[in-house]
Amino acid sequence: MSGAQPEFYSVTDAATVAGVSRMTIYRAAEQGELQTFRIGRKVLIRRTDFHTWIESKASERAA
C-alpha cells in the first residue's frame, strides 16, 4: 500500500495492517465485531470501521 490511506481494505490488506491472519478478520466479521460488505466476490471493510475495531481490541487489552 502506498502513502495514501485507502477508503476500503480487503480482508488481506486488513489482516496485514493489523498483523493478524485473514481468518481472524473473517471471524471478527462473522461474530459481528467488524462490519464488512461484499461487492461481487470481494469482501471489503471500510477504513473507519476497521480502525474502530482495532481501537476496541486495544481497549479490551488495556482493561
PDB file of N, CA and C in Angstrom:
ATOM      1  N   MET A   1       0.854  -1.185   0.000  1.00  0.00           N
ATOM      2  CA  MET A   1       0.000   0.000   0.000  1.00  0.00           C
ATOM      3  C   MET A   1       0.893   1.239   0.000  1.00  0.00           C
ATOM      4  N   SER A   2       0.495   2.221  -0.784  1.00  0.00           N
ATOM      5  CA  SER A   2       1.277   3.448  -0.877  1.00  0.00           C
ATOM      6  C   SER A   2       0.929   4.380   0.278  1.00  0.00           C
ATOM      7  N   GLY A   3       1.432   5.621   0.224  1.00  0.00           N
ATOM      8  CA  GLY A   3       1.258   6.570   1.309  1.00  0.00           C
ATOM      9  C   GLY A   3      -0.174   7.007   1.553  1.00  0.00           C
ATOM     10  N   ALA A   4      -1.023   6.997   0.512  1.00  0.00           N
ATOM     11  CA  ALA A   4      -2.410   7.424   0.662  1.00  0.00           C
ATOM     12  C   ALA A   4      -3.215   6.356   1.400  1.00  0.00           C
ATOM     13  N   GLN A   5      -4.070   6.792   2.314  1.00  0.00           N
ATOM     14  CA  GLN A   5      -4.925   5.868   3.051  1.00  0.00           C
ATOM     15  C   GLN A   5      -6.086   5.433   2.157  1.00  0.00           C
ATOM     16  N   PRO A   6      -6.285   4.139   1.953  1.00  0.00           N
ATOM     17  CA  PRO A   6      -7.421   3.681   1.151  1.00  0.00           C
ATOM     18  C   PRO A   6      -8.721   3.875   1.937  1.00  0.00           C
ATOM     19  N   GLU A   7      -9.804   4.067   1.240  1.00  0.00           N
ATOM     20  CA  GLU A   7     -11.114   4.202   1.881  1.00  0.00           C
ATOM     21  C   GLU A   7     -11.613   2.840   2.374  1.00  0.00           C
ATOM     22  N   PHE A   8     -11.216   1.783   1.663  1.00  0.00           N
ATOM     23  CA  PHE A   8     -11.654   0.426   1.991  1.00  0.00           C
ATOM     24  C   PHE A   8     -10.452  -0.507   1.998  1.00  0.00           C
ATOM     25  N   TYR A   9     -10.507  -1.506   2.877  1.00  0.00           N
ATOM     26  CA  TYR A   9      -9.488  -2.547   2.921  1.00  0.00           C
ATOM     27  C   TYR A   9     -10.092  -3.862   2.451  1.00  0.00           C
ATOM     28  N   SER A  10      -9.312  -4.654   1.752  1.00  0.00           N
ATOM     29  CA  SER A  10      -9.691  -6.043   1.520  1.00  0.00           C
ATOM     30  C   SER A  10      -9.388  -6.794   2.813  1.00  0.00           C
ATOM     31  N   VAL A  11      -9.863  -8.007   2.913  1.00  0.00           N
ATOM     32  CA  VAL A  11      -9.569  -8.815   4.099  1.00  0.00           C
ATOM     33  C   VAL A  11      -8.060  -9.018   4.223  1.00  0.00           C
ATOM     34  N   THR A  12      -7.400  -9.279   3.111  1.00  0.00           N
ATOM     35  CA  THR A  12      -5.948  -9.484   3.133  1.00  0.00           C
ATOM     36  C   THR A  12      -5.223  -8.228   3.602  1.00  0.00           C
ATOM     37  N   ASP A  13      -5.622  -7.067   3.077  1.00  0.00           N
ATOM     38  CA  ASP A  13      -4.986  -5.809   3.489  1.00  0.00           C
ATOM     39  C   ASP A  13      -5.226  -5.537   4.972  1.00  0.00           C
ATOM     40  N   ALA A  14      -6.448  -5.751   5.436  1.00  0.00           N
ATOM     41  CA  ALA A  14      -6.771  -5.516   6.848  1.00  0.00           C
ATOM     42  C   ALA A  14      -5.948  -6.433   7.740  1.00  0.00           C
ATOM     43  N   ALA A  15      -5.812  -7.685   7.345  1.00  0.00           N
ATOM     44  CA  ALA A  15      -5.022  -8.634   8.131  1.00  0.00           C
ATOM     45  C   ALA A  15      -3.562  -8.202   8.179  1.00  0.00           C
ATOM     46  N   THR A  16      -3.044  -7.735   7.063  1.00  0.00           N
ATOM     47  CA  THR A  16      -1.652  -7.280   7.014  1.00  0.00           C
ATOM     48  C   THR A  16      -1.446  -6.068   7.909  1.00  0.00           C
ATOM     49  N   VAL A  17      -2.342  -5.098   7.826  1.00  0.00           N
ATOM     50  CA  VAL A  17      -2.232  -3.887   8.641  1.00  0.00           C
ATOM     51  C   VAL A  17      -2.306  -4.226  10.130  1.00  0.00           C
ATOM     52  N   ALA A  18      -3.214  -5.136  10.498  1.00  0.00           N
ATOM     53  CA  ALA A  18      -3.401  -5.491  11.905  1.00  0.00           C
ATOM     54  C   ALA A  18      -2.368  -6.500  12.397  1.00  0.00           C
ATOM     55  N   GLY A  19      -1.678  -7.151  11.467  1.00  0.00           N
ATOM     56  CA  GLY A  19      -0.703  -8.163  11.877  1.00  0.00           C
ATOM     57  C   GLY A  19      -1.349  -9.438  12.368  1.00  0.00           C
ATOM     58  N   VAL A  20      -2.509  -9.765  11.794  1.00  0.00           N
ATOM     59  CA  VAL A  20      -3.225 -10.981  12.172  1.00  0.00           C
ATOM     60  C   VAL A  20      -3.502 -11.801  10.909  1.00  0.00           C
ATOM     61  N   SER A  21      -4.065 -12.969  11.081  1.00  0.00           N
ATOM     62  CA  SER A  21      -4.393 -13.804   9.930  1.00  0.00           C
ATOM     63  C   SER A  21      -5.696 -13.335   9.280  1.00  0.00           C
ATOM     64  N   ARG A  22      -5.894 -13.727   8.042  1.00  0.00           N
ATOM     65  CA  ARG A  22      -7.155 -13.426   7.357  1.00  0.00           C
ATOM     66  C   ARG A  22      -8.319 -14.065   8.106  1.00  0.00           C
ATOM     67  N   MET A  23      -8.083 -15.255   8.676  1.00  0.00           N
ATOM     68  CA  MET A  23      -9.132 -15.946   9.422  1.00  0.00           C
ATOM     69  C   MET A  23      -9.593 -15.118  10.623  1.00  0.00           C
ATOM     70  N   THR A  24      -8.693 -14.413  11.268  1.00  0.00           N
ATOM     71  CA  THR A  24      -9.063 -13.549  12.397  1.00  0.00           C
ATOM     72  C   THR A  24     -10.020 -12.462  11.930  1.00  0.00           C
ATOM     73  N   ILE A  25      -9.757 -11.891  10.769  1.00  0.00           N
ATOM     74  CA  ILE A  25     -10.640 -10.859  10.214  1.00  0.00           C
ATOM     75  C   ILE A  25     -11.995 -11.461   9.874  1.00  0.00           C
ATOM     76  N   TYR A  26     -12.002 -12.621   9.210  1.00  0.00           N
ATOM     77  CA  TYR A  26     -13.270 -13.282   8.877  1.00  0.00           C
ATOM     78  C   TYR A  26     -14.059 -13.636  10.136  1.00  0.00           C
ATOM     79  N   ARG A  27     -13.373 -14.116  11.180  1.00  0.00           N
ATOM     80  CA  ARG A  27     -14.064 -14.447  12.439  1.00  0.00           C
ATOM     81  C   ARG A  27     -14.685 -13.218  13.076  1.00  0.00           C
ATOM     82  N   ALA A  28     -13.939 -12.115  13.095  1.00  0.00           N
ATOM     83  CA  ALA A  28     -14.467 -10.874  13.673  1.00  0.00           C
ATOM     84  C   ALA A  28     -15.722 -10.430  12.925  1.00  0.00           C
ATOM     85  N   ALA A  29     -15.705 -10.586  11.614  1.00  0.00           N
ATOM     86  CA  ALA A  29     -16.882 -10.221  10.811  1.00  0.00           C
ATOM     87  C   ALA A  29     -18.043 -11.168  11.111  1.00  0.00           C
ATOM     88  N   GLU A  30     -17.760 -12.451  11.182  1.00  0.00           N
ATOM     89  CA  GLU A  30     -18.794 -13.449  11.454  1.00  0.00           C
ATOM     90  C   GLU A  30     -19.440 -13.234  12.820  1.00  0.00           C
ATOM     91  N   GLN A  31     -18.637 -12.811  13.793  1.00  0.00           N
ATOM     92  CA  GLN A  31     -19.138 -12.592  15.156  1.00  0.00           C
ATOM     93  C   GLN A  31     -19.774 -11.216  15.331  1.00  0.00           C
ATOM     94  N   GLY A  32     -19.792 -10.416  14.268  1.00  0.00           N
ATOM     95  CA  GLY A  32     -20.425  -9.107  14.327  1.00  0.00           C
ATOM     96  C   GLY A  32     -19.546  -8.023  14.939  1.00  0.00           C
ATOM     97  N   GLU A  33     -18.271  -8.320  15.169  1.00  0.00           N
ATOM     98  CA  GLU A  33     -17.358  -7.330  15.748  1.00  0.00           C
ATOM     99  C   GLU A  33     -16.868  -6.332  14.703  1.00  0.00           C
ATOM    100  N   LEU A  34     -16.812  -6.768  13.455  1.00  0.00           N
ATOM    101  CA  LEU A  34     -16.251  -5.965  12.379  1.00  0.00           C
ATOM    102  C   LEU A  34     -17.225  -5.979  11.212  1.00  0.00           C
ATOM    103  N   GLN A  35     -17.644  -4.801  10.801  1.00  0.00           N
ATOM    104  CA  GLN A  35     -18.615  -4.702   9.723  1.00  0.00           C
ATOM    105  C   GLN A  35     -17.907  -4.819   8.372  1.00  0.00           C
ATOM    106  N   THR A  36     -18.403  -5.715   7.540  1.00  0.00           N
ATOM    107  CA  THR A  36     -17.877  -5.898   6.196  1.00  0.00           C
ATOM    108  C   THR A  36     -19.029  -5.822   5.208  1.00  0.00           C
ATOM    109  N   PHE A  37     -18.693  -5.692   3.945  1.00  0.00           N
ATOM    110  CA  PHE A  37     -19.698  -5.789   2.896  1.00  0.00           C
ATOM    111  C   PHE A  37     -19.060  -6.422   1.684  1.00  0.00           C
ATOM    112  N   ARG A  38     -19.890  -6.885   0.795  1.00  0.00           N
ATOM    113  CA  ARG A  38     -19.415  -7.634  -0.345  1.00  0.00           C
ATOM    114  C   ARG A  38     -19.789  -6.909  -1.639  1.00  0.00           C
ATOM    115  N   ILE A  39     -18.828  -6.835  -2.537  1.00  0.00           N
ATOM    116  CA  ILE A  39     -19.073  -6.379  -3.906  1.00  0.00           C
ATOM    117  C   ILE A  39     -18.624  -7.534  -4.785  1.00  0.00           C
ATOM    118  N   GLY A  40     -19.581  -8.208  -5.376  1.00  0.00           N
ATOM    119  CA  GLY A  40     -19.250  -9.418  -6.115  1.00  0.00           C
ATOM    120  C   GLY A  40     -18.694 -10.446  -5.149  1.00  0.00           C
ATOM    121  N   ARG A  41     -17.508 -10.942  -5.423  1.00  0.00           N
ATOM    122  CA  ARG A  41     -16.868 -11.922  -4.545  1.00  0.00           C
ATOM    123  C   ARG A  41     -15.907 -11.281  -3.558  1.00  0.00           C
ATOM    124  N   LYS A  42     -15.719  -9.986  -3.671  1.00  0.00           N
ATOM    125  CA  LYS A  42     -14.739  -9.260  -2.843  1.00  0.00           C
ATOM    126  C   LYS A  42     -15.386  -8.802  -1.538  1.00  0.00           C
ATOM    127  N   VAL A  43     -14.764  -9.146  -0.419  1.00  0.00           N
ATOM    128  CA  VAL A  43     -15.213  -8.680   0.903  1.00  0.00           C
ATOM    129  C   VAL A  43     -14.381  -7.454   1.248  1.00  0.00           C
ATOM    130  N   LEU A  44     -15.065  -6.360   1.566  1.00  0.00           N
ATOM    131  CA  LEU A  44     -14.389  -5.109   1.871  1.00  0.00           C
ATOM    132  C   LEU A  44     -14.757  -4.616   3.261  1.00  0.00           C
ATOM    133  N   ILE A  45     -13.846  -3.836   3.814  1.00  0.00           N
ATOM    134  CA  ILE A  45     -14.030  -3.257   5.151  1.00  0.00           C
ATOM    135  C   ILE A  45     -13.746  -1.766   5.047  1.00  0.00           C
ATOM    136  N   ARG A  46     -14.687  -0.964   5.465  1.00  0.00           N
ATOM    137  CA  ARG A  46     -14.483   0.484   5.461  1.00  0.00           C
ATOM    138  C   ARG A  46     -13.350   0.824   6.434  1.00  0.00           C
ATOM    139  N   ARG A  47     -12.449   1.685   6.026  1.00  0.00           N
ATOM    140  CA  ARG A  47     -11.274   2.049   6.837  1.00  0.00           C
ATOM    141  C   ARG A  47     -11.674   2.487   8.236  1.00  0.00           C
ATOM    142  N   THR A  48     -12.689   3.330   8.331  1.00  0.00           N
ATOM    143  CA  THR A  48     -13.104   3.835   9.649  1.00  0.00           C
ATOM    144  C   THR A  48     -13.626   2.701  10.534  1.00  0.00           C
ATOM    145  N   ASP A  49     -14.371   1.754   9.957  1.00  0.00           N
ATOM    146  CA  ASP A  49     -14.860   0.603  10.728  1.00  0.00           C
ATOM    147  C   ASP A  49     -13.700  -0.263  11.202  1.00  0.00           C
ATOM    148  N   PHE A  50     -12.720  -0.448  10.335  1.00  0.00           N
ATOM    149  CA  PHE A  50     -11.551  -1.246  10.687  1.00  0.00           C
ATOM    150  C   PHE A  50     -10.798  -0.624  11.852  1.00  0.00           C
ATOM    151  N   HIS A  51     -10.557   0.681  11.791  1.00  0.00           N
ATOM    152  CA  HIS A  51      -9.805   1.342  12.860  1.00  0.00           C
ATOM    153  C   HIS A  51     -10.604   1.389  14.160  1.00  0.00           C
ATOM    154  N   THR A  52     -11.917   1.497  14.070  1.00  0.00           N
ATOM    155  CA  THR A  52     -12.764   1.425  15.267  1.00  0.00           C
ATOM    156  C   THR A  52     -12.639   0.051  15.914  1.00  0.00           C
ATOM    157  N   TRP A  53     -12.625  -0.999  15.098  1.00  0.00           N
ATOM    158  CA  TRP A  53     -12.476  -2.365  15.605  1.00  0.00           C
ATOM    159  C   TRP A  53     -11.119  -2.535  16.285  1.00  0.00           C
ATOM    160  N   ILE A  54     -10.064  -2.031  15.655  1.00  0.00           N
ATOM    161  CA  ILE A  54      -8.721  -2.125  16.231  1.00  0.00           C
ATOM    162  C   ILE A  54      -8.682  -1.414  17.590  1.00  0.00           C
ATOM    163  N   GLU A  55      -9.261  -0.212  17.642  1.00  0.00           N
ATOM    164  CA  GLU A  55      -9.282   0.543  18.904  1.00  0.00           C
ATOM    165  C   GLU A  55     -10.059  -0.205  19.987  1.00  0.00           C
ATOM    166  N   SER A  56     -11.160  -0.860  19.604  1.00  0.00           N
ATOM    167  CA  SER A  56     -11.942  -1.611  20.596  1.00  0.00           C
ATOM    168  C   SER A  56     -11.122  -2.780  21.140  1.00  0.00           C
ATOM    169  N   LYS A  57     -10.324  -3.409  20.290  1.00  0.00           N
ATOM    170  CA  LYS A  57      -9.465  -4.506  20.746  1.00  0.00           C
ATOM    171  C   LYS A  57      -8.365  -3.986  21.666  1.00  0.00           C
ATOM    172  N   ALA A  58      -7.829  -2.817  21.352  1.00  0.00           N
ATOM    173  CA  ALA A  58      -6.789  -2.219  22.198  1.00  0.00           C
ATOM    174  C   ALA A  58      -7.379  -1.876  23.571  1.00  0.00           C
ATOM    175  N   SER A  59      -8.620  -1.389  23.589  1.00  0.00           N
ATOM    176  CA  SER A  59      -9.282  -1.045  24.850  1.00  0.00           C
ATOM    177  C   SER A  59      -9.527  -2.293  25.690  1.00  0.00           C
ATOM    178  N   GLU A  60      -9.901  -3.407  25.038  1.00  0.00           N
ATOM    179  CA  GLU A  60     -10.129  -4.655  25.758  1.00  0.00           C
ATOM    180  C   GLU A  60      -8.855  -5.129  26.447  1.00  0.00           C
ATOM    181  N   ARG A  61      -7.728  -5.010  25.765  1.00  0.00           N
ATOM    182  CA  ARG A  61      -6.447  -5.468  26.323  1.00  0.00           C
ATOM    183  C   ARG A  61      -6.011  -4.585  27.483  1.00  0.00           C
ATOM    184  N   ALA A  62      -6.341  -3.287  27.404  1.00  0.00           N
ATOM    185  CA  ALA A  62      -5.926  -2.345  28.440  1.00  0.00           C
ATOM    186  C   ALA A  62      -6.750  -2.508  29.713  1.00  0.00           C
ATOM    187  N   ALA A  63      -7.952  -3.016  29.568  1.00  0.00           N
ATOM    188  CA  ALA A  63      -8.860  -3.135  30.720  1.00  0.00           C
ATOM    189  C   ALA A  63      -8.502  -4.263  31.647  1.00  0.00           C
TER     190      ALA A  63
END
